[in-house]
């Protein structure tokens, strides 16, 4: 694009890692917890990226270069990918420690940042986060939001009802989720009401939480927006903290990461026009 994009111009920034080494793989979930929309893909899927990159105004791409033999291939890939993408693409490589200065210069001359595995090893999360901040890898969107995948439901325990109400989770973020609730139970879901016990069943992941009813969709009256909460006792009274405890958020991010992976695979499978 002719002019650089500002944060206000971009709704979301997608971050892709091609064949991340172990040091990076272990911090992916933390990046998702920090609301960086992060995807990982193998070397065999790299050629499919030009199909999906134009879907966003800005993307960030990281490539792990593990040997001199493959450096030229990835340099050509990065140059060709940038040339064929009409939207803004920022690229960085994580490179083997003995990459010589002349080869590094070739990447840098093509506006591709180079970070050695040694630098990464000292503080993988800090290094990746710093690069993402330099790349301004955030848009206006505050939270990653994904469509629920597989068997995803909420079991809501309410007063005056022996069995929990079953609702289907439609989409979610680390802040809230949208739940399809049968109409006969709508009187249990008043806006501003707190629900003391909700069990989220997300494929094989189970997360217990409280929730606050924020509202419902104007287009789909059965779709209620529920914000995660945690319960605390203060002066003998129940208090609601409107966020998830860290360990539960981590489990939720595992699920979000899986949803992002499936979303990318679906986009890869769509036939080219």
C-alpha atoms as a PDB file:
ATOM      1  CA  UNK A   1       0.000   0.000   0.000  1.00  0.00           C
ATOM      2  CA  UNK A   2       1.224   3.518  -0.749  1.00  0.00           C
ATOM      3  CA  UNK A   3       0.816   4.953   2.736  1.00  0.00           C
ATOM      4  CA  UNK A   4       1.624   3.215   6.058  1.00  0.00           C
ATOM      5  CA  UNK A   5      -1.417   2.081   7.986  1.00  0.00           C
ATOM      6  CA  UNK A   6      -2.062   3.355  11.498  1.00  0.00           C
ATOM      7  CA  UNK A   7      -3.706   1.366  14.273  1.00  0.00           C
ATOM      8  CA  UNK A   8      -6.979   3.189  13.647  1.00  0.00           C
ATOM      9  CA  UNK A   9      -6.954   2.010  10.014  1.00  0.00           C
ATOM     10  CA  UNK A  10      -6.711  -1.669  10.981  1.00  0.00           C
ATOM     11  CA  UNK A  11      -9.279  -3.800  12.795  1.00  0.00           C
ATOM     12  CA  UNK A  12      -7.015  -6.763  13.444  1.00  0.00           C
ATOM     13  CA  UNK A  13      -3.456  -7.838  12.672  1.00  0.00           C
ATOM     14  CA  UNK A  14      -2.790 -11.510  12.053  1.00  0.00           C
ATOM     15  CA  UNK A  15       0.592 -12.935  13.059  1.00  0.00           C
ATOM     16  CA  UNK A  16       1.914 -16.054  11.319  1.00  0.00           C
ATOM     17  CA  UNK A  17       4.857 -18.243  12.317  1.00  0.00           C
ATOM     18  CA  UNK A  18       6.211 -20.644   9.682  1.00  0.00           C
ATOM     19  CA  UNK A  19       7.676 -23.828  11.244  1.00  0.00           C
ATOM     20  CA  UNK A  20       8.394 -22.225  14.630  1.00  0.00           C
ATOM     21  CA  UNK A  21      11.227 -23.748  16.639  1.00  0.00           C
ATOM     22  CA  UNK A  22      10.500 -25.030  20.148  1.00  0.00           C
ATOM     23  CA  UNK A  23      11.556 -21.761  21.796  1.00  0.00           C
ATOM     24  CA  UNK A  24       8.767 -19.975  19.928  1.00  0.00           C
ATOM     25  CA  UNK A  25       6.171 -22.733  20.181  1.00  0.00           C
ATOM     26  CA  UNK A  26       6.189 -22.533  23.970  1.00  0.00           C
ATOM     27  CA  UNK A  27       5.259 -18.820  23.944  1.00  0.00           C
ATOM     28  CA  UNK A  28       2.452 -18.980  21.350  1.00  0.00           C
ATOM     29  CA  UNK A  29      -0.251 -19.439  23.996  1.00  0.00           C
ATOM     30  CA  UNK A  30       1.112 -16.485  25.943  1.00  0.00           C
ATOM     31  CA  UNK A  31       0.956 -14.335  22.808  1.00  0.00           C
ATOM     32  CA  UNK A  32      -2.690 -15.355  22.436  1.00  0.00           C
ATOM     33  CA  UNK A  33      -3.273 -14.447  26.100  1.00  0.00           C
ATOM     34  CA  UNK A  34      -1.791 -11.044  25.224  1.00  0.00           C
ATOM     35  CA  UNK A  35      -4.398 -10.836  22.415  1.00  0.00           C
ATOM     36  CA  UNK A  36      -2.031 -11.221  19.471  1.00  0.00           C
ATOM     37  CA  UNK A  37      -3.988 -13.199  16.865  1.00  0.00           C
ATOM     38  CA  UNK A  38      -1.353 -15.853  16.302  1.00  0.00           C
ATOM     39  CA  UNK A  39      -1.198 -18.736  13.830  1.00  0.00           C
ATOM     40  CA  UNK A  40       1.428 -21.426  13.279  1.00  0.00           C
ATOM     41  CA  UNK A  41       1.894 -23.459  10.128  1.00  0.00           C
ATOM     42  CA  UNK A  42       4.289 -26.020   8.759  1.00  0.00           C
ATOM     43  CA  UNK A  43       6.684 -25.550   5.886  1.00  0.00           C
ATOM     44  CA  UNK A  44       4.379 -27.452   3.506  1.00  0.00           C
ATOM     45  CA  UNK A  45       1.582 -24.915   4.037  1.00  0.00           C
ATOM     46  CA  UNK A  46       3.713 -21.822   3.460  1.00  0.00           C
ATOM     47  CA  UNK A  47       2.812 -21.606  -0.244  1.00  0.00           C
ATOM     48  CA  UNK A  48      -0.874 -21.320   0.721  1.00  0.00           C
ATOM     49  CA  UNK A  49      -0.345 -18.083   2.661  1.00  0.00           C
ATOM     50  CA  UNK A  50      -0.709 -15.743  -0.366  1.00  0.00           C
ATOM     51  CA  UNK A  51      -4.307 -16.960  -0.564  1.00  0.00           C
ATOM     52  CA  UNK A  52      -5.227 -15.708   2.930  1.00  0.00           C
ATOM     53  CA  UNK A  53      -2.937 -12.701   3.544  1.00  0.00           C
ATOM     54  CA  UNK A  54      -4.994 -10.316   1.362  1.00  0.00           C
ATOM     55  CA  UNK A  55      -8.011 -10.902   3.650  1.00  0.00           C
ATOM     56  CA  UNK A  56      -6.541  -8.423   6.175  1.00  0.00           C
ATOM     57  CA  UNK A  57      -5.069  -4.945   5.714  1.00  0.00           C
ATOM     58  CA  UNK A  58      -1.999  -5.815   7.746  1.00  0.00           C
ATOM     59  CA  UNK A  59      -0.225  -9.095   8.482  1.00  0.00           C
ATOM     60  CA  UNK A  60       2.998 -10.039  10.245  1.00  0.00           C
ATOM     61  CA  UNK A  61       4.987 -13.061   9.081  1.00  0.00           C
ATOM     62  CA  UNK A  62       7.851 -14.770  10.912  1.00  0.00           C
ATOM     63  CA  UNK A  63      10.005 -17.489   9.357  1.00  0.00           C
ATOM     64  CA  UNK A  64      12.454 -19.746  11.169  1.00  0.00           C
ATOM     65  CA  UNK A  65      15.613 -20.224   9.094  1.00  0.00           C
ATOM     66  CA  UNK A  66      17.579 -23.115  10.540  1.00  0.00           C
ATOM     67  CA  UNK A  67      20.463 -23.471   8.058  1.00  0.00           C
ATOM     68  CA  UNK A  68      22.372 -21.661   5.309  1.00  0.00           C
ATOM     69  CA  UNK A  69      21.061 -24.182   2.782  1.00  0.00           C
ATOM     70  CA  UNK A  70      17.478 -23.003   3.235  1.00  0.00           C
ATOM     71  CA  UNK A  71      18.187 -19.277   3.726  1.00  0.00           C
ATOM     72  CA  UNK A  72      18.065 -18.419  -0.002  1.00  0.00           C
ATOM     73  CA  UNK A  73      14.783 -20.285  -0.408  1.00  0.00           C
ATOM     74  CA  UNK A  74      13.105 -18.356   2.408  1.00  0.00           C
ATOM     75  CA  UNK A  75      14.516 -15.038   1.225  1.00  0.00           C
ATOM     76  CA  UNK A  76      12.996 -15.645  -2.215  1.00  0.00           C
ATOM     77  CA  UNK A  77       9.739 -16.766  -0.619  1.00  0.00           C
ATOM     78  CA  UNK A  78       9.535 -13.598   1.498  1.00  0.00           C
ATOM     79  CA  UNK A  79      10.277 -11.310  -1.462  1.00  0.00           C
ATOM     80  CA  UNK A  80       7.804 -13.030  -3.780  1.00  0.00           C
ATOM     81  CA  UNK A  81       5.085 -13.139  -1.126  1.00  0.00           C
ATOM     82  CA  UNK A  82       5.416  -9.430  -0.396  1.00  0.00           C
ATOM     83  CA  UNK A  83       5.339  -8.585  -4.123  1.00  0.00           C
ATOM     84  CA  UNK A  84       2.103 -10.483  -4.751  1.00  0.00           C
ATOM     85  CA  UNK A  85       0.203  -9.242  -1.679  1.00  0.00           C
ATOM     86  CA  UNK A  86      -1.737  -5.970  -2.123  1.00  0.00           C
ATOM     87  CA  UNK A  87      -1.980  -5.380   1.647  1.00  0.00           C
ATOM     88  CA  UNK A  88       0.717  -4.430   4.157  1.00  0.00           C
ATOM     89  CA  UNK A  89       3.013  -7.296   5.146  1.00  0.00           C
ATOM     90  CA  UNK A  90       5.842  -7.066   7.691  1.00  0.00           C
ATOM     91  CA  UNK A  91       8.353  -9.907   7.791  1.00  0.00           C
ATOM     92  CA  UNK A  92      10.946 -11.114  10.264  1.00  0.00           C
ATOM     93  CA  UNK A  93      13.179 -14.151  10.413  1.00  0.00           C
ATOM     94  CA  UNK A  94      14.617 -16.050  13.346  1.00  0.00           C
ATOM     95  CA  UNK A  95      17.954 -17.384  12.122  1.00  0.00           C
ATOM     96  CA  UNK A  96      20.620 -19.902  13.063  1.00  0.00           C
ATOM     97  CA  UNK A  97      23.403 -18.398  15.145  1.00  0.00           C
ATOM     98  CA  UNK A  98      26.191 -18.643  12.565  1.00  0.00           C
ATOM     99  CA  UNK A  99      24.434 -16.759   9.764  1.00  0.00           C
ATOM    100  CA  UNK A 100      27.137 -14.553   8.225  1.00  0.00           C
ATOM    101  CA  UNK A 101      26.806 -10.796   7.933  1.00  0.00           C
ATOM    102  CA  UNK A 102      26.534 -10.773   4.133  1.00  0.00           C
ATOM    103  CA  UNK A 103      23.518 -13.058   4.250  1.00  0.00           C
ATOM    104  CA  UNK A 104      21.903 -11.047   7.041  1.00  0.00           C
ATOM    105  CA  UNK A 105      22.398  -7.945   4.918  1.00  0.00           C
ATOM    106  CA  UNK A 106      20.414  -9.491   2.070  1.00  0.00           C
ATOM    107  CA  UNK A 107      17.436  -9.946   4.387  1.00  0.00           C
ATOM    108  CA  UNK A 108      17.797  -6.466   5.878  1.00  0.00           C
ATOM    109  CA  UNK A 109      18.027  -4.830   2.428  1.00  0.00           C
ATOM    110  CA  UNK A 110      14.629  -6.375   1.709  1.00  0.00           C
ATOM    111  CA  UNK A 111      13.186  -4.881   4.899  1.00  0.00           C
ATOM    112  CA  UNK A 112      13.179  -8.229   6.719  1.00  0.00           C
ATOM    113  CA  UNK A 113      14.298  -8.148  10.346  1.00  0.00           C
ATOM    114  CA  UNK A 114      16.801 -10.785  11.507  1.00  0.00           C
ATOM    115  CA  UNK A 115      16.977 -12.179  15.052  1.00  0.00           C
ATOM    116  CA  UNK A 116      19.389 -14.957  16.024  1.00  0.00           C
ATOM    117  CA  UNK A 117      18.355 -18.037  17.959  1.00  0.00           C
ATOM    118  CA  UNK A 118      20.854 -16.946  20.635  1.00  0.00           C
ATOM    119  CA  UNK A 119      18.933 -13.701  21.177  1.00  0.00           C
ATOM    120  CA  UNK A 120      15.703 -15.662  21.266  1.00  0.00           C
ATOM    121  CA  UNK A 121      17.080 -18.106  23.824  1.00  0.00           C
ATOM    122  CA  UNK A 122      17.769 -15.379  26.382  1.00  0.00           C
ATOM    123  CA  UNK A 123      14.104 -14.356  26.616  1.00  0.00           C
ATOM    124  CA  UNK A 124      11.897 -15.791  23.878  1.00  0.00           C
ATOM    125  CA  UNK A 125       8.686 -14.087  24.949  1.00  0.00           C
ATOM    126  CA  UNK A 126      10.358 -10.734  25.540  1.00  0.00           C
ATOM    127  CA  UNK A 127      12.114 -10.784  22.167  1.00  0.00           C
ATOM    128  CA  UNK A 128       9.009 -11.780  20.196  1.00  0.00           C
ATOM    129  CA  UNK A 129       6.866  -9.279  22.066  1.00  0.00           C
ATOM    130  CA  UNK A 130       9.364  -6.466  21.421  1.00  0.00           C
ATOM    131  CA  UNK A 131       9.374  -7.217  17.687  1.00  0.00           C
ATOM    132  CA  UNK A 132       5.580  -7.297  17.591  1.00  0.00           C
ATOM    133  CA  UNK A 133       5.490  -3.910  19.307  1.00  0.00           C
ATOM    134  CA  UNK A 134       7.943  -2.470  16.775  1.00  0.00           C
ATOM    135  CA  UNK A 135       5.789  -3.925  13.986  1.00  0.00           C
ATOM    136  CA  UNK A 136       2.695  -2.399  15.673  1.00  0.00           C
ATOM    137  CA  UNK A 137       1.027  -5.799  15.418  1.00  0.00           C
ATOM    138  CA  UNK A 138      -2.268  -4.673  16.922  1.00  0.00           C
ATOM    139  CA  UNK A 139      -5.361  -3.181  15.406  1.00  0.00           C
ATOM    140  CA  UNK A 140      -8.452  -1.629  16.936  1.00  0.00           C
ATOM    141  CA  UNK A 141      -9.766  -4.974  18.137  1.00  0.00           C
ATOM    142  CA  UNK A 142      -9.167  -5.468  21.867  1.00  0.00           C
ATOM    143  CA  UNK A 143      -9.750  -9.230  22.054  1.00  0.00           C
ATOM    144  CA  UNK A 144      -9.297 -12.198  19.752  1.00  0.00           C
ATOM    145  CA  UNK A 145     -12.757 -13.529  18.939  1.00  0.00           C
ATOM    146  CA  UNK A 146     -13.262 -16.966  17.412  1.00  0.00           C
ATOM    147  CA  UNK A 147     -16.180 -19.040  16.231  1.00  0.00           C
ATOM    148  CA  UNK A 148     -16.727 -22.010  18.534  1.00  0.00           C
ATOM    149  CA  UNK A 149     -15.661 -25.359  17.087  1.00  0.00           C
ATOM    150  CA  UNK A 150     -16.731 -28.916  17.791  1.00  0.00           C
ATOM    151  CA  UNK A 151     -18.835 -29.742  20.852  1.00  0.00           C
ATOM    152  CA  UNK A 152     -19.012 -26.396  22.643  1.00  0.00           C
ATOM    153  CA  UNK A 153     -21.719 -25.711  25.202  1.00  0.00           C
ATOM    154  CA  UNK A 154     -22.396 -23.924  28.477  1.00  0.00           C
ATOM    155  CA  UNK A 155     -24.171 -25.560  31.422  1.00  0.00           C
ATOM    156  CA  UNK A 156     -25.695 -22.772  33.525  1.00  0.00           C
ATOM    157  CA  UNK A 157     -26.859 -23.502  37.056  1.00  0.00           C
ATOM    158  CA  UNK A 158     -29.733 -21.234  38.135  1.00  0.00           C
ATOM    159  CA  UNK A 159     -31.947 -20.963  41.210  1.00  0.00           C
ATOM    160  CA  UNK A 160     -35.211 -22.894  41.346  1.00  0.00           C
ATOM    161  CA  UNK A 161     -34.031 -25.378  38.721  1.00  0.00           C
ATOM    162  CA  UNK A 162     -32.554 -28.776  39.571  1.00  0.00           C
ATOM    163  CA  UNK A 163     -30.769 -29.316  36.247  1.00  0.00           C
ATOM    164  CA  UNK A 164     -28.473 -26.770  34.585  1.00  0.00           C
ATOM    165  CA  UNK A 165     -29.658 -24.945  31.484  1.00  0.00           C
ATOM    166  CA  UNK A 166     -27.832 -26.099  28.374  1.00  0.00           C
ATOM    167  CA  UNK A 167     -26.818 -23.486  25.846  1.00  0.00           C
ATOM    168  CA  UNK A 168     -24.687 -23.735  22.714  1.00  0.00           C
ATOM    169  CA  UNK A 169     -21.621 -21.488  22.612  1.00  0.00           C
ATOM    170  CA  UNK A 170     -21.472 -19.681  19.259  1.00  0.00           C
ATOM    171  CA  UNK A 171     -18.313 -17.602  19.609  1.00  0.00           C
ATOM    172  CA  UNK A 172     -15.991 -16.436  22.351  1.00  0.00           C
ATOM    173  CA  UNK A 173     -12.992 -14.412  23.422  1.00  0.00           C
ATOM    174  CA  UNK A 174     -10.968 -14.239  26.636  1.00  0.00           C
ATOM    175  CA  UNK A 175     -13.433 -11.642  27.931  1.00  0.00           C
ATOM    176  CA  UNK A 176     -16.876 -13.006  27.061  1.00  0.00           C
ATOM    177  CA  UNK A 177     -18.829 -15.558  25.046  1.00  0.00           C
ATOM    178  CA  UNK A 178     -22.061 -15.699  23.062  1.00  0.00           C
ATOM    179  CA  UNK A 179     -24.438 -18.468  24.088  1.00  0.00           C
ATOM    180  CA  UNK A 180     -27.568 -19.670  22.243  1.00  0.00           C
ATOM    181  CA  UNK A 181     -30.177 -20.155  24.998  1.00  0.00           C
ATOM    182  CA  UNK A 182     -33.605 -21.745  24.312  1.00  0.00           C
ATOM    183  CA  UNK A 183     -36.405 -19.181  24.577  1.00  0.00           C
ATOM    184  CA  UNK A 184     -38.147 -20.968  27.458  1.00  0.00           C
ATOM    185  CA  UNK A 185     -35.190 -20.081  29.691  1.00  0.00           C
ATOM    186  CA  UNK A 186     -34.824 -16.408  28.770  1.00  0.00           C
ATOM    187  CA  UNK A 187     -36.347 -15.242  32.064  1.00  0.00           C
ATOM    188  CA  UNK A 188     -33.237 -16.572  33.833  1.00  0.00           C
ATOM    189  CA  UNK A 189     -31.002 -14.211  31.810  1.00  0.00           C
ATOM    190  CA  UNK A 190     -31.724 -10.601  32.727  1.00  0.00           C
ATOM    191  CA  UNK A 191     -29.241  -7.954  31.601  1.00  0.00           C
ATOM    192  CA  UNK A 192     -26.847  -7.108  34.452  1.00  0.00           C
ATOM    193  CA  UNK A 193     -27.600 -10.350  36.296  1.00  0.00           C
ATOM    194  CA  UNK A 194     -24.764 -12.479  37.681  1.00  0.00           C
ATOM    195  CA  UNK A 195     -24.807 -16.244  37.192  1.00  0.00           C
ATOM    196  CA  UNK A 196     -22.923 -17.982  40.002  1.00  0.00           C
ATOM    197  CA  UNK A 197     -21.957 -21.187  38.226  1.00  0.00           C
ATOM    198  CA  UNK A 198     -21.362 -21.843  34.537  1.00  0.00           C
ATOM    199  CA  UNK A 199     -19.507 -24.857  33.152  1.00  0.00           C
ATOM    200  CA  UNK A 200     -17.999 -24.327  29.712  1.00  0.00           C
ATOM    201  CA  UNK A 201     -17.456 -27.533  27.754  1.00  0.00           C
ATOM    202  CA  UNK A 202     -15.147 -26.762  24.836  1.00  0.00           C
ATOM    203  CA  UNK A 203     -14.309 -30.002  23.064  1.00  0.00           C
ATOM    204  CA  UNK A 204     -12.271 -31.771  25.749  1.00  0.00           C
ATOM    205  CA  UNK A 205     -11.656 -28.635  27.833  1.00  0.00           C
ATOM    206  CA  UNK A 206     -13.844 -27.842  30.865  1.00  0.00           C
ATOM    207  CA  UNK A 207     -13.794 -24.436  32.509  1.00  0.00           C
ATOM    208  CA  UNK A 208     -15.887 -23.463  35.531  1.00  0.00           C
ATOM    209  CA  UNK A 209     -16.703 -19.795  35.853  1.00  0.00           C
ATOM    210  CA  UNK A 210     -19.302 -17.305  36.989  1.00  0.00           C
ATOM    211  CA  UNK A 211     -20.747 -14.921  34.414  1.00  0.00           C
ATOM    212  CA  UNK A 212     -22.535 -11.615  33.984  1.00  0.00           C
ATOM    213  CA  UNK A 213     -25.299 -11.164  31.419  1.00  0.00           C
ATOM    214  CA  UNK A 214     -24.199  -8.210  29.278  1.00  0.00           C
ATOM    215  CA  UNK A 215     -27.008  -8.323  26.727  1.00  0.00           C
ATOM    216  CA  UNK A 216     -28.259 -10.184  23.701  1.00  0.00           C
ATOM    217  CA  UNK A 217     -28.046  -9.952  19.944  1.00  0.00           C
ATOM    218  CA  UNK A 218     -30.592  -7.663  18.268  1.00  0.00           C
ATOM    219  CA  UNK A 219     -30.688  -9.985  15.267  1.00  0.00           C
ATOM    220  CA  UNK A 220     -30.799 -13.266  17.171  1.00  0.00           C
ATOM    221  CA  UNK A 221     -32.732 -12.956  20.430  1.00  0.00           C
ATOM    222  CA  UNK A 222     -31.545 -16.361  21.649  1.00  0.00           C
ATOM    223  CA  UNK A 223     -27.900 -15.246  21.558  1.00  0.00           C
ATOM    224  CA  UNK A 224     -26.924 -13.902  24.967  1.00  0.00           C
ATOM    225  CA  UNK A 225     -23.575 -12.196  25.635  1.00  0.00           C
ATOM    226  CA  UNK A 226     -22.018 -13.417  28.883  1.00  0.00           C
ATOM    227  CA  UNK A 227     -18.897 -11.981  30.507  1.00  0.00           C
ATOM    228  CA  UNK A 228     -16.639 -14.289  32.519  1.00  0.00           C
ATOM    229  CA  UNK A 229     -16.460 -13.592  36.240  1.00  0.00           C
ATOM    230  CA  UNK A 230     -14.878 -15.127  39.316  1.00  0.00           C
ATOM    231  CA  UNK A 231     -16.395 -15.300  42.784  1.00  0.00           C
ATOM    232  CA  UNK A 232     -14.767 -13.867  45.900  1.00  0.00           C
ATOM    233  CA  UNK A 233     -15.944 -13.626  49.501  1.00  0.00           C
ATOM    234  CA  UNK A 234     -15.576 -10.220  51.132  1.00  0.00           C
ATOM    235  CA  UNK A 235     -17.011  -9.422  54.565  1.00  0.00           C
ATOM    236  CA  UNK A 236     -19.137 -12.554  54.334  1.00  0.00           C
ATOM    237  CA  UNK A 237     -20.637 -11.485  51.009  1.00  0.00           C
ATOM    238  CA  UNK A 238     -20.137 -12.804  47.495  1.00  0.00           C
ATOM    239  CA  UNK A 239     -18.273 -10.391  45.230  1.00  0.00           C
ATOM    240  CA  UNK A 240     -17.840 -10.769  41.488  1.00  0.00           C
ATOM    241  CA  UNK A 241     -14.560  -9.986  39.777  1.00  0.00           C
ATOM    242  CA  UNK A 242     -15.340  -9.556  36.081  1.00  0.00           C
ATOM    243  CA  UNK A 243     -12.433 -11.532  34.642  1.00  0.00           C
ATOM    244  CA  UNK A 244     -11.116 -15.077  34.476  1.00  0.00           C
ATOM    245  CA  UNK A 245      -8.386 -16.297  36.860  1.00  0.00           C
ATOM    246  CA  UNK A 246      -5.106 -16.889  35.019  1.00  0.00           C
ATOM    247  CA  UNK A 247      -5.183 -20.688  35.069  1.00  0.00           C
ATOM    248  CA  UNK A 248      -8.689 -20.758  33.564  1.00  0.00           C
ATOM    249  CA  UNK A 249      -7.738 -18.142  30.991  1.00  0.00           C
ATOM    250  CA  UNK A 250      -4.779 -20.315  29.991  1.00  0.00           C
ATOM    251  CA  UNK A 251      -7.121 -23.263  29.345  1.00  0.00           C
ATOM    252  CA  UNK A 252      -9.399 -21.009  27.319  1.00  0.00           C
ATOM    253  CA  UNK A 253      -6.436 -19.834  25.232  1.00  0.00           C
ATOM    254  CA  UNK A 254      -5.597 -23.469  24.448  1.00  0.00           C
ATOM    255  CA  UNK A 255      -9.054 -23.770  22.934  1.00  0.00           C
ATOM    256  CA  UNK A 256      -8.781 -20.440  21.087  1.00  0.00           C
ATOM    257  CA  UNK A 257      -5.453 -21.531  19.616  1.00  0.00           C
ATOM    258  CA  UNK A 258      -7.097 -24.718  18.308  1.00  0.00           C
ATOM    259  CA  UNK A 259      -9.961 -22.687  16.809  1.00  0.00           C
ATOM    260  CA  UNK A 260      -7.499 -20.382  15.052  1.00  0.00           C
ATOM    261  CA  UNK A 261      -5.667 -23.403  13.620  1.00  0.00           C
ATOM    262  CA  UNK A 262      -8.901 -24.909  12.284  1.00  0.00           C
ATOM    263  CA  UNK A 263      -9.959 -21.542  10.846  1.00  0.00           C
ATOM    264  CA  UNK A 264      -6.682 -21.259   8.933  1.00  0.00           C
ATOM    265  CA  UNK A 265      -6.988 -24.811   7.604  1.00  0.00           C
ATOM    266  CA  UNK A 266     -10.505 -24.039   6.361  1.00  0.00           C
ATOM    267  CA  UNK A 267      -9.232 -20.960   4.525  1.00  0.00           C
ATOM    268  CA  UNK A 268      -6.426 -22.990   2.979  1.00  0.00           C
ATOM    269  CA  UNK A 269      -8.985 -25.540   1.740  1.00  0.00           C
ATOM    270  CA  UNK A 270     -11.137 -22.971  -0.074  1.00  0.00           C
ATOM    271  CA  UNK A 271     -10.517 -23.327  -3.865  1.00  0.00           C
ATOM    272  CA  UNK A 272      -8.777 -20.362  -5.447  1.00  0.00           C
ATOM    273  CA  UNK A 273     -10.972 -18.128  -7.590  1.00  0.00           C
END
